[in-house]
PDB file of N, CA and C in Angstrom:
ATOM      1  N   MET A   1      17.651   8.441  11.411  1.00  0.00           N
ATOM      2  CA  MET A   1      16.763   7.337  11.090  1.00  0.00           C
ATOM      3  C   MET A   1      16.720   7.151   9.586  1.00  0.00           C
ATOM      4  N   THR A   2      17.012   5.954   9.124  1.00  0.00           N
ATOM      5  CA  THR A   2      16.918   5.677   7.700  1.00  0.00           C
ATOM      6  C   THR A   2      15.891   4.596   7.409  1.00  0.00           C
ATOM      7  N   ALA A   3      15.106   4.215   8.398  1.00  0.00           N
ATOM      8  CA  ALA A   3      14.093   3.188   8.189  1.00  0.00           C
ATOM      9  C   ALA A   3      12.783   3.836   7.757  1.00  0.00           C
ATOM     10  N   ILE A   4      12.178   3.235   6.750  1.00  0.00           N
ATOM     11  CA  ILE A   4      10.820   3.573   6.364  1.00  0.00           C
ATOM     12  C   ILE A   4      10.054   2.257   6.282  1.00  0.00           C
ATOM     13  N   ALA A   5       8.771   2.339   6.068  1.00  0.00           N
ATOM     14  CA  ALA A   5       7.960   1.130   5.931  1.00  0.00           C
ATOM     15  C   ALA A   5       7.348   1.102   4.541  1.00  0.00           C
ATOM     16  N   LEU A   6       7.235  -0.100   4.003  1.00  0.00           N
ATOM     17  CA  LEU A   6       6.501  -0.339   2.770  1.00  0.00           C
ATOM     18  C   LEU A   6       5.268  -1.145   3.112  1.00  0.00           C
ATOM     19  N   VAL A   7       4.142  -0.688   2.623  1.00  0.00           N
ATOM     20  CA  VAL A   7       2.889  -1.412   2.762  1.00  0.00           C
ATOM     21  C   VAL A   7       2.496  -1.806   1.348  1.00  0.00           C
ATOM     22  N   GLN A   8       2.063  -3.029   1.179  1.00  0.00           N
ATOM     23  CA  GLN A   8       1.715  -3.540  -0.142  1.00  0.00           C
ATOM     24  C   GLN A   8       0.313  -4.133  -0.094  1.00  0.00           C
ATOM     25  N   ALA A   9      -0.459  -3.890  -1.145  1.00  0.00           N
ATOM     26  CA  ALA A   9      -1.802  -4.459  -1.230  1.00  0.00           C
ATOM     27  C   ALA A   9      -2.162  -4.680  -2.694  1.00  0.00           C
ATOM     28  N   THR A  10      -3.034  -5.657  -2.925  1.00  0.00           N
ATOM     29  CA  THR A  10      -3.569  -5.869  -4.262  1.00  0.00           C
ATOM     30  C   THR A  10      -4.991  -5.315  -4.293  1.00  0.00           C
ATOM     31  N   PHE A  11      -5.363  -4.806  -5.471  1.00  0.00           N
ATOM     32  CA  PHE A  11      -6.665  -4.181  -5.667  1.00  0.00           C
ATOM     33  C   PHE A  11      -7.339  -4.773  -6.895  1.00  0.00           C
ATOM     34  N   ALA A  12      -8.631  -4.592  -6.978  1.00  0.00           N
ATOM     35  CA  ALA A  12      -9.412  -5.161  -8.080  1.00  0.00           C
ATOM     36  C   ALA A  12      -8.963  -4.633  -9.439  1.00  0.00           C
ATOM     37  N   ASP A  13      -8.533  -3.367  -9.480  1.00  0.00           N
ATOM     38  CA  ASP A  13      -8.121  -2.777 -10.758  1.00  0.00           C
ATOM     39  C   ASP A  13      -7.312  -1.505 -10.513  1.00  0.00           C
ATOM     40  N   LEU A  14      -6.825  -0.923 -11.611  1.00  0.00           N
ATOM     41  CA  LEU A  14      -6.022   0.298 -11.525  1.00  0.00           C
ATOM     42  C   LEU A  14      -6.802   1.458 -10.915  1.00  0.00           C
ATOM     43  N   ASP A  15      -8.074   1.558 -11.256  1.00  0.00           N
ATOM     44  CA  ASP A  15      -8.877   2.669 -10.734  1.00  0.00           C
ATOM     45  C   ASP A  15      -8.959   2.636  -9.209  1.00  0.00           C
ATOM     46  N   GLU A  16      -9.215   1.455  -8.660  1.00  0.00           N
ATOM     47  CA  GLU A  16      -9.299   1.348  -7.202  1.00  0.00           C
ATOM     48  C   GLU A  16      -7.949   1.629  -6.556  1.00  0.00           C
ATOM     49  N   ALA A  17      -6.888   1.046  -7.103  1.00  0.00           N
ATOM     50  CA  ALA A  17      -5.540   1.277  -6.554  1.00  0.00           C
ATOM     51  C   ALA A  17      -5.193   2.762  -6.594  1.00  0.00           C
ATOM     52  N   GLY A  18      -5.497   3.415  -7.707  1.00  0.00           N
ATOM     53  CA  GLY A  18      -5.196   4.841  -7.842  1.00  0.00           C
ATOM     54  C   GLY A  18      -6.025   5.710  -6.917  1.00  0.00           C
ATOM     55  N   ALA A  19      -7.301   5.385  -6.791  1.00  0.00           N
ATOM     56  CA  ALA A  19      -8.174   6.183  -5.925  1.00  0.00           C
ATOM     57  C   ALA A  19      -7.750   6.071  -4.467  1.00  0.00           C
ATOM     58  N   ILE A  20      -7.502   4.852  -4.015  1.00  0.00           N
ATOM     59  CA  ILE A  20      -7.093   4.665  -2.616  1.00  0.00           C
ATOM     60  C   ILE A  20      -5.689   5.209  -2.398  1.00  0.00           C
ATOM     61  N   GLY A  21      -4.784   4.939  -3.323  1.00  0.00           N
ATOM     62  CA  GLY A  21      -3.425   5.453  -3.191  1.00  0.00           C
ATOM     63  C   GLY A  21      -3.382   6.967  -3.142  1.00  0.00           C
ATOM     64  N   GLY A  22      -4.156   7.617  -4.009  1.00  0.00           N
ATOM     65  CA  GLY A  22      -4.211   9.078  -4.004  1.00  0.00           C
ATOM     66  C   GLY A  22      -4.787   9.626  -2.714  1.00  0.00           C
ATOM     67  N   ARG A  23      -5.794   8.963  -2.222  1.00  0.00           N
ATOM     68  CA  ARG A  23      -6.424   9.406  -0.975  1.00  0.00           C
ATOM     69  C   ARG A  23      -5.451   9.317   0.198  1.00  0.00           C
ATOM     70  N   LEU A  24      -4.661   8.234   0.251  1.00  0.00           N
ATOM     71  CA  LEU A  24      -3.694   8.087   1.340  1.00  0.00           C
ATOM     72  C   LEU A  24      -2.602   9.152   1.274  1.00  0.00           C
ATOM     73  N   VAL A  25      -2.223   9.559   0.059  1.00  0.00           N
ATOM     74  CA  VAL A  25      -1.241  10.645  -0.089  1.00  0.00           C
ATOM     75  C   VAL A  25      -1.855  11.959   0.400  1.00  0.00           C
ATOM     76  N   VAL A  26      -3.082  12.256  -0.036  1.00  0.00           N
ATOM     77  CA  VAL A  26      -3.756  13.490   0.385  1.00  0.00           C
ATOM     78  C   VAL A  26      -3.921  13.529   1.899  1.00  0.00           C
ATOM     79  N   GLU A  27      -4.248  12.400   2.501  1.00  0.00           N
ATOM     80  CA  GLU A  27      -4.445  12.328   3.954  1.00  0.00           C
ATOM     81  C   GLU A  27      -3.133  12.281   4.736  1.00  0.00           C
ATOM     82  N   ARG A  28      -2.008  12.319   4.028  1.00  0.00           N
ATOM     83  CA  ARG A  28      -0.665  12.284   4.636  1.00  0.00           C
ATOM     84  C   ARG A  28      -0.403  11.022   5.447  1.00  0.00           C
ATOM     85  N   LEU A  29      -1.039   9.933   5.053  1.00  0.00           N
ATOM     86  CA  LEU A  29      -0.722   8.641   5.662  1.00  0.00           C
ATOM     87  C   LEU A  29       0.467   7.994   4.967  1.00  0.00           C
ATOM     88  N   VAL A  30       0.636   8.283   3.681  1.00  0.00           N
ATOM     89  CA  VAL A  30       1.767   7.770   2.914  1.00  0.00           C
ATOM     90  C   VAL A  30       2.392   8.914   2.133  1.00  0.00           C
ATOM     91  N   ALA A  31       3.683   8.788   1.860  1.00  0.00           N
ATOM     92  CA  ALA A  31       4.375   9.799   1.070  1.00  0.00           C
ATOM     93  C   ALA A  31       4.227   9.538  -0.416  1.00  0.00           C
ATOM     94  N   CYS A  32       4.035   8.274  -0.769  1.00  0.00           N
ATOM     95  CA  CYS A  32       4.061   7.890  -2.180  1.00  0.00           C
ATOM     96  C   CYS A  32       3.295   6.588  -2.358  1.00  0.00           C
ATOM     97  N   THR A  33       2.625   6.485  -3.488  1.00  0.00           N
ATOM     98  CA  THR A  33       1.989   5.232  -3.894  1.00  0.00           C
ATOM     99  C   THR A  33       2.576   4.836  -5.235  1.00  0.00           C
ATOM    100  N   ASN A  34       3.098   3.621  -5.332  1.00  0.00           N
ATOM    101  CA  ASN A  34       3.577   3.062  -6.592  1.00  0.00           C
ATOM    102  C   ASN A  34       2.618   1.957  -7.008  1.00  0.00           C
ATOM    103  N   ILE A  35       2.037   2.091  -8.187  1.00  0.00           N
ATOM    104  CA  ILE A  35       1.102   1.078  -8.673  1.00  0.00           C
ATOM    105  C   ILE A  35       1.815   0.235  -9.718  1.00  0.00           C
ATOM    106  N   LEU A  36       1.930  -1.038  -9.434  1.00  0.00           N
ATOM    107  CA  LEU A  36       2.628  -1.998 -10.284  1.00  0.00           C
ATOM    108  C   LEU A  36       1.555  -2.902 -10.888  1.00  0.00           C
ATOM    109  N   ALA A  37       1.128  -2.577 -12.071  1.00  0.00           N
ATOM    110  CA  ALA A  37      -0.020  -3.307 -12.617  1.00  0.00           C
ATOM    111  C   ALA A  37       0.142  -3.509 -14.102  1.00  0.00           C
ATOM    112  N   PRO A  38      -0.571  -4.404 -14.678  1.00  0.00           N
ATOM    113  CA  PRO A  38      -1.393  -5.383 -13.977  1.00  0.00           C
ATOM    114  C   PRO A  38      -0.539  -6.540 -13.466  1.00  0.00           C
ATOM    115  N   CYS A  39      -1.103  -7.308 -12.566  1.00  0.00           N
ATOM    116  CA  CYS A  39      -0.448  -8.525 -12.111  1.00  0.00           C
ATOM    117  C   CYS A  39      -1.476  -9.650 -12.160  1.00  0.00           C
ATOM    118  N   LEU A  40      -0.994 -10.845 -12.351  1.00  0.00           N
ATOM    119  CA  LEU A  40      -1.862 -12.015 -12.352  1.00  0.00           C
ATOM    120  C   LEU A  40      -1.762 -12.660 -10.984  1.00  0.00           C
ATOM    121  N   SER A  41      -2.889 -12.817 -10.317  1.00  0.00           N
ATOM    122  CA  SER A  41      -2.922 -13.436  -8.998  1.00  0.00           C
ATOM    123  C   SER A  41      -3.557 -14.811  -9.096  1.00  0.00           C
ATOM    124  N   LEU A  42      -2.907 -15.784  -8.483  1.00  0.00           N
ATOM    125  CA  LEU A  42      -3.426 -17.147  -8.363  1.00  0.00           C
ATOM    126  C   LEU A  42      -3.592 -17.405  -6.883  1.00  0.00           C
ATOM    127  N   TYR A  43      -4.778 -17.816  -6.462  1.00  0.00           N
ATOM    128  CA  TYR A  43      -5.035 -17.924  -5.034  1.00  0.00           C
ATOM    129  C   TYR A  43      -6.173 -18.910  -4.767  1.00  0.00           C
ATOM    130  N   ARG A  44      -6.225 -19.347  -3.519  1.00  0.00           N
ATOM    131  CA  ARG A  44      -7.310 -20.227  -3.076  1.00  0.00           C
ATOM    132  C   ARG A  44      -8.343 -19.367  -2.358  1.00  0.00           C
ATOM    133  N   TRP A  45      -9.608 -19.523  -2.745  1.00  0.00           N
ATOM    134  CA  TRP A  45     -10.685 -18.781  -2.112  1.00  0.00           C
ATOM    135  C   TRP A  45     -11.907 -19.679  -2.038  1.00  0.00           C
ATOM    136  N   GLN A  46     -12.423 -19.872  -0.848  1.00  0.00           N
ATOM    137  CA  GLN A  46     -13.600 -20.695  -0.597  1.00  0.00           C
ATOM    138  C   GLN A  46     -13.467 -22.078  -1.250  1.00  0.00           C
ATOM    139  N   ASP A  47     -12.345 -22.727  -0.957  1.00  0.00           N
ATOM    140  CA  ASP A  47     -12.051 -24.093  -1.398  1.00  0.00           C
ATOM    141  C   ASP A  47     -11.893 -24.258  -2.909  1.00  0.00           C
ATOM    142  N   ALA A  48     -11.644 -23.193  -3.617  1.00  0.00           N
ATOM    143  CA  ALA A  48     -11.404 -23.287  -5.063  1.00  0.00           C
ATOM    144  C   ALA A  48     -10.159 -22.471  -5.405  1.00  0.00           C
ATOM    145  N   VAL A  49      -9.420 -22.925  -6.411  1.00  0.00           N
ATOM    146  CA  VAL A  49      -8.282 -22.161  -6.899  1.00  0.00           C
ATOM    147  C   VAL A  49      -8.809 -21.166  -7.930  1.00  0.00           C
ATOM    148  N   GLU A  50      -8.505 -19.912  -7.700  1.00  0.00           N
ATOM    149  CA  GLU A  50      -8.980 -18.819  -8.546  1.00  0.00           C
ATOM    150  C   GLU A  50      -7.793 -18.112  -9.185  1.00  0.00           C
ATOM    151  N   SER A  51      -8.065 -17.322 -10.193  1.00  0.00           N
ATOM    152  CA  SER A  51      -7.051 -16.460 -10.785  1.00  0.00           C
ATOM    153  C   SER A  51      -7.736 -15.195 -11.282  1.00  0.00           C
ATOM    154  N   GLY A  52      -6.956 -14.138 -11.333  1.00  0.00           N
ATOM    155  CA  GLY A  52      -7.510 -12.884 -11.823  1.00  0.00           C
ATOM    156  C   GLY A  52      -6.435 -11.832 -11.953  1.00  0.00           C
ATOM    157  N   HIS A  53      -6.709 -10.853 -12.799  1.00  0.00           N
ATOM    158  CA  HIS A  53      -5.799  -9.724 -12.943  1.00  0.00           C
ATOM    159  C   HIS A  53      -6.142  -8.689 -11.888  1.00  0.00           C
ATOM    160  N   GLU A  54      -5.122  -8.210 -11.214  1.00  0.00           N
ATOM    161  CA  GLU A  54      -5.287  -7.217 -10.165  1.00  0.00           C
ATOM    162  C   GLU A  54      -4.242  -6.121 -10.354  1.00  0.00           C
ATOM    163  N   ALA A  55      -4.335  -5.107  -9.537  1.00  0.00           N
ATOM    164  CA  ALA A  55      -3.330  -4.049  -9.492  1.00  0.00           C
ATOM    165  C   ALA A  55      -2.616  -4.141  -8.151  1.00  0.00           C
ATOM    166  N   LEU A  56      -1.305  -4.226  -8.184  1.00  0.00           N
ATOM    167  CA  LEU A  56      -0.486  -4.284  -6.972  1.00  0.00           C
ATOM    168  C   LEU A  56       0.021  -2.880  -6.680  1.00  0.00           C
ATOM    169  N   ALA A  57      -0.117  -2.442  -5.445  1.00  0.00           N
ATOM    170  CA  ALA A  57       0.365  -1.119  -5.067  1.00  0.00           C
ATOM    171  C   ALA A  57       1.251  -1.220  -3.841  1.00  0.00           C
ATOM    172  N   GLN A  58       2.300  -0.396  -3.833  1.00  0.00           N
ATOM    173  CA  GLN A  58       3.174  -0.264  -2.675  1.00  0.00           C
ATOM    174  C   GLN A  58       3.087   1.173  -2.187  1.00  0.00           C
ATOM    175  N   PHE A  59       3.084   1.318  -0.871  1.00  0.00           N
ATOM    176  CA  PHE A  59       2.941   2.619  -0.239  1.00  0.00           C
ATOM    177  C   PHE A  59       4.147   2.867   0.661  1.00  0.00           C
ATOM    178  N   LYS A  60       4.761   4.032   0.535  1.00  0.00           N
ATOM    179  CA  LYS A  60       5.899   4.402   1.391  1.00  0.00           C
ATOM    180  C   LYS A  60       5.377   5.242   2.547  1.00  0.00           C
ATOM    181  N   THR A  61       5.730   4.822   3.766  1.00  0.00           N
ATOM    182  CA  THR A  61       5.271   5.529   4.952  1.00  0.00           C
ATOM    183  C   THR A  61       6.315   5.397   6.057  1.00  0.00           C
ATOM    184  N   LEU A  62       5.987   5.919   7.220  1.00  0.00           N
ATOM    185  CA  LEU A  62       6.846   5.771   8.391  1.00  0.00           C
ATOM    186  C   LEU A  62       6.419   4.533   9.177  1.00  0.00           C
ATOM    187  N   PRO A  63       7.362   3.846   9.809  1.00  0.00           N
ATOM    188  CA  PRO A  63       7.013   2.645  10.566  1.00  0.00           C
ATOM    189  C   PRO A  63       5.891   2.871  11.583  1.00  0.00           C
ATOM    190  N   GLU A  64       5.878   4.030  12.219  1.00  0.00           N
ATOM    191  CA  GLU A  64       4.853   4.279  13.232  1.00  0.00           C
ATOM    192  C   GLU A  64       3.463   4.551  12.630  1.00  0.00           C
ATOM    193  N   ARG A  65       3.380   4.683  11.327  1.00  0.00           N
ATOM    194  CA  ARG A  65       2.081   4.909  10.677  1.00  0.00           C
ATOM    195  C   ARG A  65       1.518   3.664  10.002  1.00  0.00           C
ATOM    196  N   VAL A  66       2.223   2.554  10.080  1.00  0.00           N
ATOM    197  CA  VAL A  66       1.787   1.340   9.383  1.00  0.00           C
ATOM    198  C   VAL A  66       0.384   0.914   9.815  1.00  0.00           C
ATOM    199  N   ASP A  67       0.118   0.871  11.107  1.00  0.00           N
ATOM    200  CA  ASP A  67      -1.200   0.422  11.570  1.00  0.00           C
ATOM    201  C   ASP A  67      -2.318   1.297  11.002  1.00  0.00           C
ATOM    202  N   ALA A  68      -2.106   2.601  10.958  1.00  0.00           N
ATOM    203  CA  ALA A  68      -3.116   3.518  10.421  1.00  0.00           C
ATOM    204  C   ALA A  68      -3.298   3.323   8.917  1.00  0.00           C
ATOM    205  N   VAL A  69      -2.197   3.097   8.208  1.00  0.00           N
ATOM    206  CA  VAL A  69      -2.272   2.867   6.760  1.00  0.00           C
ATOM    207  C   VAL A  69      -3.022   1.575   6.465  1.00  0.00           C
ATOM    208  N   VAL A  70      -2.679   0.507   7.175  1.00  0.00           N
ATOM    209  CA  VAL A  70      -3.340  -0.785   6.967  1.00  0.00           C
ATOM    210  C   VAL A  70      -4.832  -0.659   7.256  1.00  0.00           C
ATOM    211  N   ALA A  71      -5.184   0.003   8.338  1.00  0.00           N
ATOM    212  CA  ALA A  71      -6.595   0.169   8.693  1.00  0.00           C
ATOM    213  C   ALA A  71      -7.345   0.986   7.639  1.00  0.00           C
ATOM    214  N   ARG A  72      -6.715   2.025   7.133  1.00  0.00           N
ATOM    215  CA  ARG A  72      -7.376   2.880   6.135  1.00  0.00           C
ATOM    216  C   ARG A  72      -7.570   2.136   4.820  1.00  0.00           C
ATOM    217  N   ILE A  73      -6.550   1.382   4.386  1.00  0.00           N
ATOM    218  CA  ILE A  73      -6.689   0.584   3.165  1.00  0.00           C
ATOM    219  C   ILE A  73      -7.843  -0.404   3.340  1.00  0.00           C
ATOM    220  N   ALA A  74      -7.866  -1.106   4.456  1.00  0.00           N
ATOM    221  CA  ALA A  74      -8.928  -2.089   4.699  1.00  0.00           C
ATOM    222  C   ALA A  74     -10.303  -1.429   4.695  1.00  0.00           C
ATOM    223  N   ASP A  75     -10.392  -0.236   5.239  1.00  0.00           N
ATOM    224  CA  ASP A  75     -11.658   0.492   5.298  1.00  0.00           C
ATOM    225  C   ASP A  75     -12.161   0.887   3.905  1.00  0.00           C
ATOM    226  N   LEU A  76     -11.251   1.279   3.023  1.00  0.00           N
ATOM    227  CA  LEU A  76     -11.626   1.766   1.692  1.00  0.00           C
ATOM    228  C   LEU A  76     -11.697   0.667   0.638  1.00  0.00           C
ATOM    229  N   HIS A  77     -11.126  -0.480   0.913  1.00  0.00           N
ATOM    230  CA  HIS A  77     -10.950  -1.555  -0.074  1.00  0.00           C
ATOM    231  C   HIS A  77     -12.263  -2.237  -0.431  1.00  0.00           C
ATOM    232  N   SER A  78     -12.375  -2.673  -1.683  1.00  0.00           N
ATOM    233  CA  SER A  78     -13.600  -3.347  -2.136  1.00  0.00           C
ATOM    234  C   SER A  78     -13.653  -4.827  -1.757  1.00  0.00           C
ATOM    235  N   TYR A  79     -12.528  -5.424  -1.415  1.00  0.00           N
ATOM    236  CA  TYR A  79     -12.507  -6.851  -1.084  1.00  0.00           C
ATOM    237  C   TYR A  79     -12.966  -7.097   0.353  1.00  0.00           C
ATOM    238  N   THR A  80     -13.592  -8.233   0.572  1.00  0.00           N
ATOM    239  CA  THR A  80     -13.970  -8.664   1.912  1.00  0.00           C
ATOM    240  C   THR A  80     -12.731  -8.902   2.766  1.00  0.00           C
ATOM    241  N   LEU A  81     -11.708  -9.502   2.164  1.00  0.00           N
ATOM    242  CA  LEU A  81     -10.464  -9.819   2.861  1.00  0.00           C
ATOM    243  C   LEU A  81      -9.285  -9.351   2.013  1.00  0.00           C
ATOM    244  N   PRO A  82      -8.959  -8.052   2.072  1.00  0.00           N
ATOM    245  CA  PRO A  82      -7.845  -7.566   1.260  1.00  0.00           C
ATOM    246  C   PRO A  82      -6.504  -8.105   1.761  1.00  0.00           C
ATOM    247  N   ALA A  83      -5.631  -8.429   0.818  1.00  0.00           N
ATOM    248  CA  ALA A  83      -4.277  -8.873   1.166  1.00  0.00           C
ATOM    249  C   ALA A  83      -3.412  -7.632   1.351  1.00  0.00           C
ATOM    250  N   ILE A  84      -2.997  -7.399   2.589  1.00  0.00           N
ATOM    251  CA  ILE A  84      -2.179  -6.230   2.913  1.00  0.00           C
ATOM    252  C   ILE A  84      -0.970  -6.727   3.695  1.00  0.00           C
ATOM    253  N   GLU A  85       0.204  -6.468   3.149  1.00  0.00           N
ATOM    254  CA  GLU A  85       1.442  -6.868   3.823  1.00  0.00           C
ATOM    255  C   GLU A  85       2.276  -5.615   4.077  1.00  0.00           C
ATOM    256  N   TYR A  86       3.191  -5.709   5.031  1.00  0.00           N
ATOM    257  CA  TYR A  86       4.065  -4.568   5.311  1.00  0.00           C
ATOM    258  C   TYR A  86       5.373  -5.047   5.922  1.00  0.00           C
ATOM    259  N   TRP A  87       6.382  -4.222   5.741  1.00  0.00           N
ATOM    260  CA  TRP A  87       7.695  -4.508   6.291  1.00  0.00           C
ATOM    261  C   TRP A  87       8.484  -3.214   6.383  1.00  0.00           C
ATOM    262  N   THR A  88       9.495  -3.226   7.227  1.00  0.00           N
ATOM    263  CA  THR A  88      10.387  -2.083   7.391  1.00  0.00           C
ATOM    264  C   THR A  88      11.602  -2.289   6.504  1.00  0.00           C
ATOM    265  N   VAL A  89      12.029  -1.221   5.846  1.00  0.00           N
ATOM    266  CA  VAL A  89      13.197  -1.272   4.970  1.00  0.00           C
ATOM    267  C   VAL A  89      14.125  -0.115   5.301  1.00  0.00           C
ATOM    268  N   GLU A  90      15.363  -0.279   4.965  1.00  0.00           N
ATOM    269  CA  GLU A  90      16.340   0.794   5.118  1.00  0.00           C
ATOM    270  C   GLU A  90      16.471   1.525   3.791  1.00  0.00           C
ATOM    271  N   THR A  91      16.617   2.830   3.859  1.00  0.00           N
ATOM    272  CA  THR A  91      16.837   3.644   2.680  1.00  0.00           C
ATOM    273  C   THR A  91      17.898   4.686   3.028  1.00  0.00           C
ATOM    274  N   ASN A  92      18.311   5.463   2.040  1.00  0.00           N
ATOM    275  CA  ASN A  92      19.304   6.490   2.342  1.00  0.00           C
ATOM    276  C   ASN A  92      18.652   7.615   3.145  1.00  0.00           C
ATOM    277  N   GLU A  93      19.464   8.416   3.793  1.00  0.00           N
ATOM    278  CA  GLU A  93      18.939   9.460   4.669  1.00  0.00           C
ATOM    279  C   GLU A  93      18.068  10.451   3.907  1.00  0.00           C
ATOM    280  N   ALA A  94      18.439  10.775   2.683  1.00  0.00           N
ATOM    281  CA  ALA A  94      17.640  11.720   1.889  1.00  0.00           C
ATOM    282  C   ALA A  94      16.252  11.153   1.605  1.00  0.00           C
ATOM    283  N   GLY A  95      16.187   9.883   1.292  1.00  0.00           N
ATOM    284  CA  GLY A  95      14.893   9.251   1.027  1.00  0.00           C
ATOM    285  C   GLY A  95      14.033   9.198   2.266  1.00  0.00           C
ATOM    286  N   ALA A  96      14.631   8.830   3.394  1.00  0.00           N
ATOM    287  CA  ALA A  96      13.884   8.777   4.657  1.00  0.00           C
ATOM    288  C   ALA A  96      13.415  10.172   5.064  1.00  0.00           C
ATOM    289  N   ALA A  97      14.256  11.172   4.852  1.00  0.00           N
ATOM    290  CA  ALA A  97      13.881  12.549   5.188  1.00  0.00           C
ATOM    291  C   ALA A  97      12.713  13.016   4.325  1.00  0.00           C
ATOM    292  N   TRP A  98      12.720  12.639   3.059  1.00  0.00           N
ATOM    293  CA  TRP A  98      11.620  13.004   2.164  1.00  0.00           C
ATOM    294  C   TRP A  98      10.303  12.402   2.655  1.00  0.00           C
ATOM    295  N   VAL A  99      10.324  11.125   3.029  1.00  0.00           N
ATOM    296  CA  VAL A  99       9.111  10.477   3.550  1.00  0.00           C
ATOM    297  C   VAL A  99       8.646  11.204   4.803  1.00  0.00           C
ATOM    298  N   ARG A 100       9.543  11.459   5.742  1.00  0.00           N
ATOM    299  CA  ARG A 100       9.185  12.184   6.973  1.00  0.00           C
ATOM    300  C   ARG A 100       8.589  13.549   6.665  1.00  0.00           C
ATOM    301  N   ASP A 101       9.251  14.287   5.747  1.00  0.00           N
ATOM    302  CA  ASP A 101       8.774  15.623   5.408  1.00  0.00           C
ATOM    303  C   ASP A 101       7.385  15.592   4.781  1.00  0.00           C
ATOM    304  N   CYS A 102       7.133  14.625   3.924  1.00  0.00           N
ATOM    305  CA  CYS A 102       5.817  14.509   3.284  1.00  0.00           C
ATOM    306  C   CYS A 102       4.718  14.242   4.298  1.00  0.00           C
ATOM    307  N   LEU A 103       5.048  13.479   5.324  1.00  0.00           N
ATOM    308  CA  LEU A 103       4.020  13.058   6.277  1.00  0.00           C
ATOM    309  C   LEU A 103       3.865  14.005   7.460  1.00  0.00           C
ATOM    310  N   THR A 104       4.847  14.842   7.677  1.00  0.00           N
ATOM    311  CA  THR A 104       4.753  15.770   8.806  1.00  0.00           C
ATOM    312  C   THR A 104       4.594  17.208   8.348  1.00  0.00           C
ATOM    313  N   GLY A 105       4.795  17.438   7.050  1.00  0.00           N
ATOM    314  CA  GLY A 105       4.649  18.684   6.330  1.00  0.00           C
ATOM    315  C   GLY A 105       4.507  19.912   7.070  1.00  0.00           C
TER     316      GLY A 105
END
């Protein structure tokens, strides 16, 4: 198996992204959290166009853990409606094995 899943979410700031990302690693829901920040988000909210600086984070996990990761992020997130996306990607066998090993330890 060389498929892993990437889960991506935006957070209010680096502190929130780091706290949630670290917690997911400790809980063995994800093998790794990459925080790509800051980012400028432009979006529509309650009939108005808004903008703000956020922290974008990507989480590496197994495809079968995506639902649990998404639920945990939503549970810990400060936003009423957090933007959480996910997809399956192919990686080399060593990378996939590392993710599996981190999560099944």
